PDB file of all heavy atoms in Angstrom:
ATOM      1  N   THR A   1       8.141  -0.754 -15.158  1.00  0.00           N
ATOM      2  CA  THR A   1       9.373  -0.450 -14.513  1.00  0.00           C
ATOM      3  C   THR A   1       9.848  -1.619 -13.637  1.00  0.00           C
ATOM      4  O   THR A   1      10.984  -1.774 -13.263  1.00  0.00           O
ATOM      5  CB  THR A   1       9.368   0.830 -13.788  1.00  0.00           C
ATOM      6  OG1 THR A   1       8.447   0.809 -12.747  1.00  0.00           O
ATOM      7  CG2 THR A   1       8.969   1.931 -14.719  1.00  0.00           C
ATOM      8  N   GLN A   2       8.796  -2.324 -13.072  1.00  0.00           N
ATOM      9  CA  GLN A   2       9.056  -3.341 -12.130  1.00  0.00           C
ATOM     10  C   GLN A   2       9.499  -2.772 -10.641  1.00  0.00           C
ATOM     11  O   GLN A   2       9.943  -3.443  -9.827  1.00  0.00           O
ATOM     12  CB  GLN A   2      10.105  -4.334 -12.586  1.00  0.00           C
ATOM     13  CG  GLN A   2       9.684  -5.132 -13.799  1.00  0.00           C
ATOM     14  CD  GLN A   2      10.631  -6.214 -14.237  1.00  0.00           C
ATOM     15  OE1 GLN A   2      11.518  -6.641 -13.413  1.00  0.00           O
ATOM     16  NE2 GLN A   2      10.571  -6.556 -15.537  1.00  0.00           N
ATOM     17  N   TYR A   3       9.308  -1.428 -10.507  1.00  0.00           N
ATOM     18  CA  TYR A   3       9.564  -0.869  -9.256  1.00  0.00           C
ATOM     19  C   TYR A   3       8.427  -0.916  -8.305  1.00  0.00           C
ATOM     20  O   TYR A   3       8.625  -0.932  -7.043  1.00  0.00           O
ATOM     21  CB  TYR A   3       9.916   0.643  -9.462  1.00  0.00           C
ATOM     22  CG  TYR A   3      11.207   0.964 -10.227  1.00  0.00           C
ATOM     23  CD1 TYR A   3      11.224   2.241 -10.985  1.00  0.00           C
ATOM     24  CD2 TYR A   3      12.287   0.143 -10.266  1.00  0.00           C
ATOM     25  CE1 TYR A   3      12.354   2.545 -11.646  1.00  0.00           C
ATOM     26  CE2 TYR A   3      13.467   0.493 -11.027  1.00  0.00           C
ATOM     27  CZ  TYR A   3      13.477   1.711 -11.705  1.00  0.00           C
ATOM     28  OH  TYR A   3      14.527   1.955 -12.450  1.00  0.00           O
ATOM     29  N   PHE A   4       7.195  -1.020  -8.718  1.00  0.00           N
ATOM     30  CA  PHE A   4       6.025  -0.809  -7.983  1.00  0.00           C
ATOM     31  C   PHE A   4       5.158  -2.093  -8.039  1.00  0.00           C
ATOM     32  O   PHE A   4       5.018  -2.713  -9.063  1.00  0.00           O
ATOM     33  CB  PHE A   4       5.255   0.380  -8.524  1.00  0.00           C
ATOM     34  CG  PHE A   4       6.129   1.566  -8.774  1.00  0.00           C
ATOM     35  CD1 PHE A   4       6.438   2.043  -9.924  1.00  0.00           C
ATOM     36  CD2 PHE A   4       6.620   2.242  -7.596  1.00  0.00           C
ATOM     37  CE1 PHE A   4       7.209   3.067 -10.196  1.00  0.00           C
ATOM     38  CE2 PHE A   4       7.472   3.476  -7.815  1.00  0.00           C
ATOM     39  CZ  PHE A   4       7.683   3.813  -9.142  1.00  0.00           C
ATOM     40  N   ARG A   5       4.544  -2.395  -6.845  1.00  0.00           N
ATOM     41  CA  ARG A   5       3.595  -3.417  -6.769  1.00  0.00           C
ATOM     42  C   ARG A   5       2.251  -2.968  -7.290  1.00  0.00           C
ATOM     43  O   ARG A   5       1.509  -3.667  -7.983  1.00  0.00           O
ATOM     44  CB  ARG A   5       3.513  -3.852  -5.275  1.00  0.00           C
ATOM     45  CG  ARG A   5       2.388  -4.991  -5.100  1.00  0.00           C
ATOM     46  CD  ARG A   5       2.258  -5.206  -3.569  1.00  0.00           C
ATOM     47  NE  ARG A   5       3.487  -5.908  -2.992  1.00  0.00           N
ATOM     48  CZ  ARG A   5       3.687  -6.169  -1.760  1.00  0.00           C
ATOM     49  NH1 ARG A   5       2.737  -5.761  -0.842  1.00  0.00           N
ATOM     50  NH2 ARG A   5       4.666  -6.742  -1.383  1.00  0.00           N
ATOM     51  N   ASN A   6       1.720  -1.789  -6.896  1.00  0.00           N
ATOM     52  CA  ASN A   6       0.546  -1.226  -7.353  1.00  0.00           C
ATOM     53  C   ASN A   6       0.798   0.216  -7.851  1.00  0.00           C
ATOM     54  O   ASN A   6       1.545   0.958  -7.419  1.00  0.00           O
ATOM     55  CB  ASN A   6      -0.523  -1.169  -6.210  1.00  0.00           C
ATOM     56  CG  ASN A   6      -0.766  -2.569  -5.624  1.00  0.00           C
ATOM     57  OD1 ASN A   6      -1.283  -3.473  -6.404  1.00  0.00           O
ATOM     58  ND2 ASN A   6      -0.693  -2.691  -4.377  1.00  0.00           N
ATOM     59  N   VAL A   7      -0.004   0.491  -8.915  1.00  0.00           N
ATOM     60  CA  VAL A   7       0.076   1.862  -9.633  1.00  0.00           C
ATOM     61  C   VAL A   7      -1.366   2.332  -9.830  1.00  0.00           C
ATOM     62  O   VAL A   7      -2.216   1.614 -10.325  1.00  0.00           O
ATOM     63  CB  VAL A   7       0.809   1.618 -11.020  1.00  0.00           C
ATOM     64  CG1 VAL A   7       0.713   2.981 -11.762  1.00  0.00           C
ATOM     65  CG2 VAL A   7       2.255   1.251 -10.782  1.00  0.00           C
ATOM     66  N   LEU A   8      -1.500   3.530  -9.480  1.00  0.00           N
ATOM     67  CA  LEU A   8      -2.879   4.251  -9.778  1.00  0.00           C
ATOM     68  C   LEU A   8      -2.528   5.695 -10.199  1.00  0.00           C
ATOM     69  O   LEU A   8      -1.834   6.448  -9.467  1.00  0.00           O
ATOM     70  CB  LEU A   8      -3.707   4.219  -8.585  1.00  0.00           C
ATOM     71  CG  LEU A   8      -5.071   5.016  -8.619  1.00  0.00           C
ATOM     72  CD1 LEU A   8      -5.916   4.299  -9.760  1.00  0.00           C
ATOM     73  CD2 LEU A   8      -5.877   5.093  -7.300  1.00  0.00           C
ATOM     74  N   VAL A   9      -3.029   5.943 -11.403  1.00  0.00           N
ATOM     75  CA  VAL A   9      -2.789   7.332 -12.005  1.00  0.00           C
ATOM     76  C   VAL A   9      -4.202   7.812 -12.373  1.00  0.00           C
ATOM     77  O   VAL A   9      -4.857   7.226 -13.146  1.00  0.00           O
ATOM     78  CB  VAL A   9      -1.897   7.238 -13.279  1.00  0.00           C
ATOM     79  CG1 VAL A   9      -1.595   8.684 -13.745  1.00  0.00           C
ATOM     80  CG2 VAL A   9      -0.559   6.670 -12.918  1.00  0.00           C
ATOM     81  N   ARG A  10      -4.534   8.963 -11.904  1.00  0.00           N
ATOM     82  CA  ARG A  10      -5.885   9.496 -12.053  1.00  0.00           C
ATOM     83  C   ARG A  10      -5.998  10.986 -12.147  1.00  0.00           C
ATOM     84  O   ARG A  10      -5.152  11.683 -11.461  1.00  0.00           O
ATOM     85  CB  ARG A  10      -6.867   8.992 -10.946  1.00  0.00           C
ATOM     86  CG  ARG A  10      -6.533   9.379  -9.577  1.00  0.00           C
ATOM     87  CD  ARG A  10      -7.436   8.764  -8.558  1.00  0.00           C
ATOM     88  NE  ARG A  10      -7.075   9.297  -7.257  1.00  0.00           N
ATOM     89  CZ  ARG A  10      -7.705   8.766  -6.170  1.00  0.00           C
ATOM     90  NH1 ARG A  10      -8.572   7.893  -6.168  1.00  0.00           N
ATOM     91  NH2 ARG A  10      -7.415   9.334  -4.944  1.00  0.00           N
ATOM     92  N   PRO A  11      -6.930  11.579 -12.848  1.00  0.00           N
ATOM     93  CA  PRO A  11      -7.035  13.043 -12.892  1.00  0.00           C
ATOM     94  C   PRO A  11      -7.911  13.470 -11.648  1.00  0.00           C
ATOM     95  O   PRO A  11      -8.840  12.799 -11.223  1.00  0.00           O
ATOM     96  CB  PRO A  11      -7.832  13.282 -14.114  1.00  0.00           C
ATOM     97  CG  PRO A  11      -8.616  12.082 -14.368  1.00  0.00           C
ATOM     98  CD  PRO A  11      -7.750  10.824 -13.827  1.00  0.00           C
ATOM     99  N   VAL A  12      -7.484  14.503 -10.995  1.00  0.00           N
ATOM    100  CA  VAL A  12      -8.240  15.036  -9.833  1.00  0.00           C
ATOM    101  C   VAL A  12      -9.020  16.217 -10.366  1.00  0.00           C
ATOM    102  O   VAL A  12      -8.566  17.411 -10.202  1.00  0.00           O
ATOM    103  CB  VAL A  12      -7.318  15.421  -8.669  1.00  0.00           C
ATOM    104  CG1 VAL A  12      -8.067  15.796  -7.416  1.00  0.00           C
ATOM    105  CG2 VAL A  12      -6.329  14.254  -8.319  1.00  0.00           C
ATOM    106  N   ILE A  13     -10.134  16.009 -10.871  1.00  0.00           N
ATOM    107  CA  ILE A  13     -11.046  17.058 -11.561  1.00  0.00           C
ATOM    108  C   ILE A  13     -11.427  18.128 -10.582  1.00  0.00           C
ATOM    109  O   ILE A  13     -11.531  19.313 -10.941  1.00  0.00           O
ATOM    110  CB  ILE A  13     -12.161  16.432 -12.206  1.00  0.00           C
ATOM    111  CG1 ILE A  13     -11.711  15.286 -13.254  1.00  0.00           C
ATOM    112  CG2 ILE A  13     -13.017  17.414 -12.982  1.00  0.00           C
ATOM    113  CD1 ILE A  13     -12.850  14.492 -13.809  1.00  0.00           C
ATOM    114  N   SER A  14     -11.679  17.691  -9.334  1.00  0.00           N
ATOM    115  CA  SER A  14     -12.126  18.708  -8.366  1.00  0.00           C
ATOM    116  C   SER A  14     -11.069  19.801  -8.049  1.00  0.00           C
ATOM    117  O   SER A  14     -11.412  20.846  -7.556  1.00  0.00           O
ATOM    118  CB  SER A  14     -12.524  18.015  -7.073  1.00  0.00           C
ATOM    119  OG  SER A  14     -11.487  17.216  -6.527  1.00  0.00           O
ATOM    120  N   ASP A  15      -9.823  19.453  -8.257  1.00  0.00           N
ATOM    121  CA  ASP A  15      -8.764  20.433  -8.053  1.00  0.00           C
ATOM    122  C   ASP A  15      -8.230  21.196  -9.244  1.00  0.00           C
ATOM    123  O   ASP A  15      -7.212  21.789  -9.130  1.00  0.00           O
ATOM    124  CB  ASP A  15      -7.533  19.637  -7.411  1.00  0.00           C
ATOM    125  CG  ASP A  15      -7.808  19.035  -5.998  1.00  0.00           C
ATOM    126  OD1 ASP A  15      -8.831  19.536  -5.343  1.00  0.00           O
ATOM    127  OD2 ASP A  15      -7.040  18.299  -5.568  1.00  0.00           O
ATOM    128  N   ALA A  16      -8.997  21.053 -10.315  1.00  0.00           N
ATOM    129  CA  ALA A  16      -8.530  21.700 -11.600  1.00  0.00           C
ATOM    130  C   ALA A  16      -8.616  23.227 -11.462  1.00  0.00           C
ATOM    131  O   ALA A  16      -9.594  23.739 -10.786  1.00  0.00           O
ATOM    132  CB  ALA A  16      -9.538  21.234 -12.747  1.00  0.00           C
ATOM    133  N   GLU A  17      -7.714  23.911 -12.001  1.00  0.00           N
ATOM    134  CA  GLU A  17      -7.746  25.360 -12.055  1.00  0.00           C
ATOM    135  C   GLU A  17      -7.252  25.836 -13.453  1.00  0.00           C
ATOM    136  O   GLU A  17      -6.370  25.324 -14.076  1.00  0.00           O
ATOM    137  CB  GLU A  17      -6.577  25.860 -11.100  1.00  0.00           C
ATOM    138  CG  GLU A  17      -6.894  25.594  -9.553  1.00  0.00           C
ATOM    139  CD  GLU A  17      -5.809  26.168  -8.706  1.00  0.00           C
ATOM    140  OE1 GLU A  17      -4.909  26.932  -9.213  1.00  0.00           O
ATOM    141  OE2 GLU A  17      -5.921  26.023  -7.469  1.00  0.00           O
ATOM    142  N   ASP A  18      -8.082  26.777 -14.012  1.00  0.00           N
ATOM    143  CA  ASP A  18      -7.939  27.357 -15.315  1.00  0.00           C
ATOM    144  C   ASP A  18      -7.793  26.224 -16.423  1.00  0.00           C
ATOM    145  O   ASP A  18      -7.011  26.236 -17.229  1.00  0.00           O
ATOM    146  CB  ASP A  18      -6.715  28.228 -15.345  1.00  0.00           C
ATOM    147  CG  ASP A  18      -6.737  29.365 -14.364  1.00  0.00           C
ATOM    148  OD1 ASP A  18      -7.879  29.842 -14.255  1.00  0.00           O
ATOM    149  OD2 ASP A  18      -5.638  29.695 -13.895  1.00  0.00           O
ATOM    150  N   LEU A  19      -8.730  25.327 -16.120  1.00  0.00           N
ATOM    151  CA  LEU A  19      -8.970  24.093 -17.098  1.00  0.00           C
ATOM    152  C   LEU A  19      -7.736  23.167 -17.077  1.00  0.00           C
ATOM    153  O   LEU A  19      -7.555  22.260 -17.928  1.00  0.00           O
ATOM    154  CB  LEU A  19      -9.142  24.535 -18.562  1.00  0.00           C
ATOM    155  CG  LEU A  19     -10.488  25.348 -18.807  1.00  0.00           C
ATOM    156  CD1 LEU A  19     -10.554  25.771 -20.253  1.00  0.00           C
ATOM    157  CD2 LEU A  19     -11.653  24.511 -18.458  1.00  0.00           C
ATOM    158  N   ASN A  20      -6.748  23.384 -16.089  1.00  0.00           N
ATOM    159  CA  ASN A  20      -5.649  22.364 -15.913  1.00  0.00           C
ATOM    160  C   ASN A  20      -5.931  21.419 -14.764  1.00  0.00           C
ATOM    161  O   ASN A  20      -6.161  21.891 -13.624  1.00  0.00           O
ATOM    162  CB  ASN A  20      -4.322  23.193 -15.701  1.00  0.00           C
ATOM    163  CG  ASN A  20      -3.897  23.934 -16.819  1.00  0.00           C
ATOM    164  OD1 ASN A  20      -3.682  23.408 -17.916  1.00  0.00           O
ATOM    165  ND2 ASN A  20      -3.753  25.227 -16.662  1.00  0.00           N
ATOM    166  N   VAL A  21      -6.000  20.103 -15.229  1.00  0.00           N
ATOM    167  CA  VAL A  21      -6.440  19.241 -14.116  1.00  0.00           C
ATOM    168  C   VAL A  21      -5.213  18.354 -13.637  1.00  0.00           C
ATOM    169  O   VAL A  21      -4.416  17.815 -14.463  1.00  0.00           O
ATOM    170  CB  VAL A  21      -7.439  18.131 -14.674  1.00  0.00           C
ATOM    171  CG1 VAL A  21      -6.932  17.462 -15.939  1.00  0.00           C
ATOM    172  CG2 VAL A  21      -7.877  17.111 -13.709  1.00  0.00           C
ATOM    173  N   PRO A  22      -4.932  18.546 -12.356  1.00  0.00           N
ATOM    174  CA  PRO A  22      -3.739  17.761 -11.853  1.00  0.00           C
ATOM    175  C   PRO A  22      -3.863  16.361 -11.905  1.00  0.00           C
ATOM    176  O   PRO A  22      -4.984  15.721 -11.835  1.00  0.00           O
ATOM    177  CB  PRO A  22      -3.639  18.230 -10.356  1.00  0.00           C
ATOM    178  CG  PRO A  22      -5.043  18.722 -10.023  1.00  0.00           C
ATOM    179  CD  PRO A  22      -5.631  19.216 -11.281  1.00  0.00           C
ATOM    180  N   ILE A  23      -2.700  15.601 -12.052  1.00  0.00           N
ATOM    181  CA  ILE A  23      -2.744  14.156 -12.213  1.00  0.00           C
ATOM    182  C   ILE A  23      -2.118  13.626 -10.906  1.00  0.00           C
ATOM    183  O   ILE A  23      -1.011  13.878 -10.716  1.00  0.00           O
ATOM    184  CB  ILE A  23      -1.961  13.758 -13.460  1.00  0.00           C
ATOM    185  CG1 ILE A  23      -2.533  14.360 -14.761  1.00  0.00           C
ATOM    186  CG2 ILE A  23      -2.073  12.169 -13.600  1.00  0.00           C
ATOM    187  CD1 ILE A  23      -3.947  14.106 -14.985  1.00  0.00           C
ATOM    188  N   GLN A  24      -2.847  12.831 -10.203  1.00  0.00           N
ATOM    189  CA  GLN A  24      -2.418  12.104  -9.014  1.00  0.00           C
ATOM    190  C   GLN A  24      -1.832  10.842  -9.317  1.00  0.00           C
ATOM    191  O   GLN A  24      -2.301  10.003 -10.020  1.00  0.00           O
ATOM    192  CB  GLN A  24      -3.536  11.968  -8.039  1.00  0.00           C
ATOM    193  CG  GLN A  24      -3.066  11.483  -6.646  1.00  0.00           C
ATOM    194  CD  GLN A  24      -4.293  11.398  -5.628  1.00  0.00           C
ATOM    195  OE1 GLN A  24      -5.408  11.141  -6.102  1.00  0.00           O
ATOM    196  NE2 GLN A  24      -3.946  11.582  -4.393  1.00  0.00           N
ATOM    197  N   VAL A  25      -0.565  10.564  -8.772  1.00  0.00           N
ATOM    198  CA  VAL A  25       0.146   9.317  -9.033  1.00  0.00           C
ATOM    199  C   VAL A  25       0.337   8.675  -7.657  1.00  0.00           C
ATOM    200  O   VAL A  25       0.983   9.179  -6.817  1.00  0.00           O
ATOM    201  CB  VAL A  25       1.498   9.534  -9.713  1.00  0.00           C
ATOM    202  CG1 VAL A  25       2.161   8.230 -10.031  1.00  0.00           C
ATOM    203  CG2 VAL A  25       1.310  10.357 -10.977  1.00  0.00           C
ATOM    204  N   ILE A  26      -0.349   7.475  -7.474  1.00  0.00           N
ATOM    205  CA  ILE A  26      -0.185   6.764  -6.215  1.00  0.00           C
ATOM    206  C   ILE A  26       0.569   5.450  -6.409  1.00  0.00           C
ATOM    207  O   ILE A  26       0.113   4.629  -7.233  1.00  0.00           O
ATOM    208  CB  ILE A  26      -1.593   6.377  -5.608  1.00  0.00           C
ATOM    209  CG1 ILE A  26      -2.404   7.765  -5.420  1.00  0.00           C
ATOM    210  CG2 ILE A  26      -1.531   5.725  -4.306  1.00  0.00           C
ATOM    211  CD1 ILE A  26      -3.738   7.595  -5.014  1.00  0.00           C
ATOM    212  N   LEU A  27       1.717   5.305  -5.809  1.00  0.00           N
ATOM    213  CA  LEU A  27       2.554   4.095  -6.135  1.00  0.00           C
ATOM    214  C   LEU A  27       2.809   3.462  -4.771  1.00  0.00           C
ATOM    215  O   LEU A  27       3.110   3.956  -3.771  1.00  0.00           O
ATOM    216  CB  LEU A  27       3.839   4.690  -6.744  1.00  0.00           C
ATOM    217  CG  LEU A  27       3.658   5.471  -7.930  1.00  0.00           C
ATOM    218  CD1 LEU A  27       5.129   5.981  -8.368  1.00  0.00           C
ATOM    219  CD2 LEU A  27       3.180   4.588  -9.076  1.00  0.00           C
ATOM    220  N   THR A  28       2.737   2.101  -4.884  1.00  0.00           N
ATOM    221  CA  THR A  28       3.125   1.175  -3.770  1.00  0.00           C
ATOM    222  C   THR A  28       4.430   0.467  -4.220  1.00  0.00           C
ATOM    223  O   THR A  28       4.436  -0.348  -5.146  1.00  0.00           O
ATOM    224  CB  THR A  28       2.049   0.201  -3.382  1.00  0.00           C
ATOM    225  OG1 THR A  28       0.863   0.841  -3.156  1.00  0.00           O
ATOM    226  CG2 THR A  28       2.457  -0.657  -2.228  1.00  0.00           C
ATOM    227  N   HIS A  29       5.521   0.662  -3.476  1.00  0.00           N
ATOM    228  CA  HIS A  29       6.822   0.091  -3.941  1.00  0.00           C
ATOM    229  C   HIS A  29       6.800  -1.408  -3.652  1.00  0.00           C
ATOM    230  O   HIS A  29       6.160  -1.911  -2.726  1.00  0.00           O
ATOM    231  CB  HIS A  29       7.940   0.808  -3.114  1.00  0.00           C
ATOM    232  CG  HIS A  29       8.110   2.197  -3.463  1.00  0.00           C
ATOM    233  ND1 HIS A  29       9.204   2.621  -4.239  1.00  0.00           N
ATOM    234  CD2 HIS A  29       7.377   3.268  -3.322  1.00  0.00           C
ATOM    235  CE1 HIS A  29       9.123   3.853  -4.431  1.00  0.00           C
ATOM    236  NE2 HIS A  29       8.027   4.297  -3.919  1.00  0.00           N
ATOM    237  N   LYS A  30       7.530  -2.087  -4.501  1.00  0.00           N
ATOM    238  CA  LYS A  30       7.714  -3.488  -4.290  1.00  0.00           C
ATOM    239  C   LYS A  30       8.653  -3.769  -3.122  1.00  0.00           C
ATOM    240  O   LYS A  30       9.338  -2.828  -2.706  1.00  0.00           O
ATOM    241  CB  LYS A  30       8.346  -4.226  -5.545  1.00  0.00           C
ATOM    242  CG  LYS A  30       7.401  -4.440  -6.690  1.00  0.00           C
ATOM    243  CD  LYS A  30       8.048  -5.298  -7.767  1.00  0.00           C
ATOM    244  CE  LYS A  30       7.072  -5.654  -8.885  1.00  0.00           C
ATOM    245  NZ  LYS A  30       7.714  -6.455  -9.913  1.00  0.00           N
ATOM    246  N   PRO A  31       8.651  -4.971  -2.576  1.00  0.00           N
ATOM    247  CA  PRO A  31       9.637  -5.164  -1.406  1.00  0.00           C
ATOM    248  C   PRO A  31      11.009  -5.111  -1.922  1.00  0.00           C
ATOM    249  O   PRO A  31      11.289  -5.124  -3.193  1.00  0.00           O
ATOM    250  CB  PRO A  31       9.332  -6.674  -1.053  1.00  0.00           C
ATOM    251  CG  PRO A  31       7.918  -6.918  -1.621  1.00  0.00           C
ATOM    252  CD  PRO A  31       7.749  -6.125  -2.836  1.00  0.00           C
ATOM    253  N   ARG A  32      11.957  -4.990  -1.065  1.00  0.00           N
ATOM    254  CA  ARG A  32      13.389  -4.867  -1.432  1.00  0.00           C
ATOM    255  C   ARG A  32      13.844  -5.962  -2.306  1.00  0.00           C
ATOM    256  O   ARG A  32      14.627  -5.745  -3.240  1.00  0.00           O
ATOM    257  CB  ARG A  32      14.262  -4.732  -0.113  1.00  0.00           C
ATOM    258  CG  ARG A  32      15.731  -4.696  -0.330  1.00  0.00           C
ATOM    259  CD  ARG A  32      16.470  -4.563   0.946  1.00  0.00           C
ATOM    260  NE  ARG A  32      17.925  -4.780   0.760  1.00  0.00           N
ATOM    261  CZ  ARG A  32      18.725  -3.716   0.399  1.00  0.00           C
ATOM    262  NH1 ARG A  32      18.207  -2.547   0.307  1.00  0.00           N
ATOM    263  NH2 ARG A  32      20.002  -3.977   0.304  1.00  0.00           N
ATOM    264  N   ASP A  33      13.489  -7.161  -1.954  1.00  0.00           N
ATOM    265  CA  ASP A  33      13.848  -8.340  -2.752  1.00  0.00           C
ATOM    266  C   ASP A  33      12.529  -9.083  -3.155  1.00  0.00           C
ATOM    267  O   ASP A  33      11.685  -9.310  -2.313  1.00  0.00           O
ATOM    268  CB  ASP A  33      14.780  -9.246  -1.953  1.00  0.00           C
ATOM    269  CG  ASP A  33      16.128  -8.721  -1.643  1.00  0.00           C
ATOM    270  OD1 ASP A  33      16.905  -8.417  -2.632  1.00  0.00           O
ATOM    271  OD2 ASP A  33      16.413  -8.309  -0.443  1.00  0.00           O
ATOM    272  N   ASN A  34      12.592  -9.539  -4.491  1.00  0.00           N
ATOM    273  CA  ASN A  34      11.446 -10.299  -5.016  1.00  0.00           C
ATOM    274  C   ASN A  34      11.875 -11.593  -5.509  1.00  0.00           C
ATOM    275  O   ASN A  34      12.920 -11.712  -6.235  1.00  0.00           O
ATOM    276  CB  ASN A  34      10.802  -9.491  -6.063  1.00  0.00           C
ATOM    277  CG  ASN A  34      10.215  -8.207  -5.532  1.00  0.00           C
ATOM    278  OD1 ASN A  34       9.095  -8.102  -5.195  1.00  0.00           O
ATOM    279  ND2 ASN A  34      11.034  -7.112  -5.680  1.00  0.00           N
ATOM    280  N   PHE A  35      11.197 -12.701  -5.214  1.00  0.00           N
ATOM    281  CA  PHE A  35      11.542 -14.032  -5.683  1.00  0.00           C
ATOM    282  C   PHE A  35      10.384 -14.676  -6.402  1.00  0.00           C
ATOM    283  O   PHE A  35       9.254 -14.402  -6.159  1.00  0.00           O
ATOM    284  CB  PHE A  35      11.859 -14.862  -4.393  1.00  0.00           C
ATOM    285  CG  PHE A  35      13.055 -14.411  -3.559  1.00  0.00           C
ATOM    286  CD1 PHE A  35      12.790 -13.572  -2.510  1.00  0.00           C
ATOM    287  CD2 PHE A  35      14.375 -14.733  -3.900  1.00  0.00           C
ATOM    288  CE1 PHE A  35      13.869 -13.027  -1.834  1.00  0.00           C
ATOM    289  CE2 PHE A  35      15.394 -14.210  -3.233  1.00  0.00           C
ATOM    290  CZ  PHE A  35      15.141 -13.419  -2.107  1.00  0.00           C
ATOM    291  N   ASP A  36      10.763 -15.450  -7.365  1.00  0.00           N
ATOM    292  CA  ASP A  36       9.807 -16.157  -8.173  1.00  0.00           C
ATOM    293  C   ASP A  36      10.327 -17.521  -8.537  1.00  0.00           C
ATOM    294  O   ASP A  36      11.453 -17.690  -9.031  1.00  0.00           O
ATOM    295  CB  ASP A  36       9.625 -15.348  -9.567  1.00  0.00           C
ATOM    296  CG  ASP A  36       8.482 -15.872 -10.413  1.00  0.00           C
ATOM    297  OD1 ASP A  36       7.713 -16.774  -9.916  1.00  0.00           O
ATOM    298  OD2 ASP A  36       8.430 -15.622 -11.516  1.00  0.00           O
ATOM    299  N   VAL A  37       9.565 -18.546  -8.226  1.00  0.00           N
ATOM    300  CA  VAL A  37       9.904 -19.908  -8.532  1.00  0.00           C
ATOM    301  C   VAL A  37       8.977 -20.552  -9.366  1.00  0.00           C
ATOM    302  O   VAL A  37       7.692 -20.386  -9.198  1.00  0.00           O
ATOM    303  CB  VAL A  37       9.955 -20.744  -7.147  1.00  0.00           C
ATOM    304  CG1 VAL A  37      10.335 -22.140  -7.413  1.00  0.00           C
ATOM    305  CG2 VAL A  37      11.047 -20.090  -6.203  1.00  0.00           C
ATOM    306  N   GLY A  38       9.347 -21.301 -10.398  1.00  0.00           N
ATOM    307  CA  GLY A  38       8.491 -21.975 -11.279  1.00  0.00           C
ATOM    308  C   GLY A  38       8.970 -23.359 -11.656  1.00  0.00           C
ATOM    309  O   GLY A  38      10.154 -23.671 -11.643  1.00  0.00           O
ATOM    310  N   VAL A  39       8.018 -24.259 -11.862  1.00  0.00           N
ATOM    311  CA  VAL A  39       8.356 -25.609 -12.188  1.00  0.00           C
ATOM    312  C   VAL A  39       7.452 -25.945 -13.405  1.00  0.00           C
ATOM    313  O   VAL A  39       6.419 -25.340 -13.689  1.00  0.00           O
ATOM    314  CB  VAL A  39       7.919 -26.604 -11.115  1.00  0.00           C
ATOM    315  CG1 VAL A  39       8.907 -26.462  -9.870  1.00  0.00           C
ATOM    316  CG2 VAL A  39       6.553 -26.553 -10.631  1.00  0.00           C
ATOM    317  N   GLY A  40       8.015 -26.804 -14.230  1.00  0.00           N
ATOM    318  CA  GLY A  40       7.318 -27.210 -15.396  1.00  0.00           C
ATOM    319  C   GLY A  40       7.750 -28.518 -16.028  1.00  0.00           C
ATOM    320  O   GLY A  40       8.706 -29.186 -15.408  1.00  0.00           O
ATOM    321  N   VAL A  41       7.135 -28.979 -17.063  1.00  0.00           N
ATOM    322  CA  VAL A  41       7.603 -30.285 -17.661  1.00  0.00           C
ATOM    323  C   VAL A  41       7.251 -30.253 -19.139  1.00  0.00           C
ATOM    324  O   VAL A  41       6.269 -29.647 -19.574  1.00  0.00           O
ATOM    325  CB  VAL A  41       6.882 -31.515 -16.968  1.00  0.00           C
ATOM    326  CG1 VAL A  41       5.392 -31.448 -17.190  1.00  0.00           C
ATOM    327  CG2 VAL A  41       7.452 -32.774 -17.465  1.00  0.00           C
ATOM    328  N   SER A  42       8.125 -30.854 -19.923  1.00  0.00           N
ATOM    329  CA  SER A  42       7.883 -30.972 -21.382  1.00  0.00           C
ATOM    330  C   SER A  42       8.584 -32.174 -21.855  1.00  0.00           C
ATOM    331  O   SER A  42       9.467 -32.750 -21.202  1.00  0.00           O
ATOM    332  CB  SER A  42       8.304 -29.707 -22.115  1.00  0.00           C
ATOM    333  OG  SER A  42       9.773 -29.712 -22.218  1.00  0.00           O
ATOM    334  N   SER A  43       8.136 -32.653 -23.034  1.00  0.00           N
ATOM    335  CA  SER A  43       8.802 -33.838 -23.515  1.00  0.00           C
ATOM    336  C   SER A  43      10.232 -33.576 -24.120  1.00  0.00           C
ATOM    337  O   SER A  43      11.064 -34.384 -24.303  1.00  0.00           O
ATOM    338  CB  SER A  43       7.931 -34.398 -24.745  1.00  0.00           C
ATOM    339  OG  SER A  43       7.614 -33.487 -25.655  1.00  0.00           O
ATOM    340  N   ASP A  44      10.504 -32.169 -24.338  1.00  0.00           N
ATOM    341  CA  ASP A  44      11.851 -31.868 -24.813  1.00  0.00           C
ATOM    342  C   ASP A  44      12.873 -31.903 -23.618  1.00  0.00           C
ATOM    343  O   ASP A  44      13.899 -32.578 -23.706  1.00  0.00           O
ATOM    344  CB  ASP A  44      11.828 -30.422 -25.258  1.00  0.00           C
ATOM    345  CG  ASP A  44      11.414 -30.350 -26.728  1.00  0.00           C
ATOM    346  OD1 ASP A  44      11.162 -31.396 -27.330  1.00  0.00           O
ATOM    347  OD2 ASP A  44      11.287 -29.267 -27.270  1.00  0.00           O
ATOM    348  N   GLU A  45      12.551 -31.340 -22.504  1.00  0.00           N
ATOM    349  CA  GLU A  45      13.499 -31.164 -21.506  1.00  0.00           C
ATOM    350  C   GLU A  45      13.082 -32.012 -20.209  1.00  0.00           C
ATOM    351  O   GLU A  45      13.992 -32.084 -19.273  1.00  0.00           O
ATOM    352  CB  GLU A  45      13.430 -29.717 -20.978  1.00  0.00           C
ATOM    353  CG  GLU A  45      13.884 -28.738 -22.152  1.00  0.00           C
ATOM    354  CD  GLU A  45      13.635 -27.286 -21.680  1.00  0.00           C
ATOM    355  OE1 GLU A  45      12.476 -26.949 -21.040  1.00  0.00           O
ATOM    356  OE2 GLU A  45      14.441 -26.383 -21.911  1.00  0.00           O
TER     357      GLU A  45
END
């Protein structure tokens, strides 16, 4: 999605009830603005 810097999804087995295991979703949001700079070289360009 490119919304998050870090993503962790895991089952919490210790909290399971009636064989239903809850899924914990831990998300770290990306900064408001993200920048990426690249340089390269080729014989074409």
